[in-house]
Protein backbone atom coordinates (compact mmCIF):
# COMPACT_ATOMS: atom_id res chain seq x y z
CA MET A 1 -7.33 -91.47 62.39
CA ASN A 2 -8.86 -88.38 61.37
CA ILE A 3 -12.03 -89.07 59.55
CA GLN A 4 -13.47 -86.29 57.20
CA PRO A 5 -17.03 -86.05 56.66
CA GLU A 6 -18.49 -86.70 53.36
CA VAL A 7 -21.18 -84.65 51.27
CA VAL A 8 -23.63 -86.12 48.78
CA CYS A 9 -24.14 -84.06 45.56
CA PRO A 10 -27.91 -83.36 45.33
CA ILE A 11 -27.70 -83.91 41.26
CA CYS A 12 -25.34 -87.01 40.68
CA SER A 13 -25.05 -88.40 44.42
CA ASN A 14 -21.18 -88.38 44.29
CA LYS A 15 -19.84 -88.61 47.61
CA GLU A 16 -16.74 -86.62 48.41
CA GLN A 17 -14.79 -85.32 51.42
CA LEU A 18 -16.17 -82.28 53.09
CA SER A 19 -13.01 -80.38 52.66
CA ASN A 20 -12.96 -81.45 48.77
CA VAL A 21 -15.87 -80.09 47.66
CA LEU A 22 -16.46 -76.73 49.97
CA THR A 23 -14.66 -73.50 49.72
CA ALA A 24 -14.96 -70.54 52.27
CA GLN A 25 -14.64 -67.00 50.88
CA SER A 26 -13.66 -64.07 53.37
CA ASN A 27 -16.95 -62.54 53.35
CA GLN A 28 -18.38 -65.53 55.08
CA ASN A 29 -19.81 -67.37 51.94
CA VAL A 30 -19.46 -70.89 51.57
CA ILE A 31 -19.34 -72.37 47.75
CA TYR A 32 -19.97 -76.26 47.15
CA GLU A 33 -18.93 -77.59 43.97
CA CYS A 34 -19.20 -81.30 42.74
CA SER A 35 -16.39 -82.47 41.04
CA ASN A 36 -17.97 -85.20 39.26
CA CYS A 37 -20.69 -83.09 37.57
CA HIS A 38 -19.62 -79.71 38.56
CA HIS A 39 -22.86 -78.73 39.96
CA VAL A 40 -22.18 -75.46 41.92
CA VAL A 41 -24.14 -74.20 44.92
CA ARG A 42 -23.07 -70.53 46.12
CA ASN A 43 -23.69 -68.26 49.11
CA ILE A 44 -24.57 -71.15 51.40
CA GLU A 45 -25.42 -69.39 54.77
CA THR A 46 -23.30 -70.58 57.54
CA SER A 47 -23.58 -69.91 61.50
CA LYS A 48 -21.30 -66.85 61.09
CA GLY A 49 -23.02 -65.24 58.21
């Protein structure tokens, strides 16, 4: 059984699987977008960039 971590939207508290709300870009930036309220956070800092 493969259990995915869940991410909670800081605006609407909607919970979704990590792979459904995060997008990794080639320049090491990560974008979060809530499918419920469409809140977007860009340029999330990661350990690689």
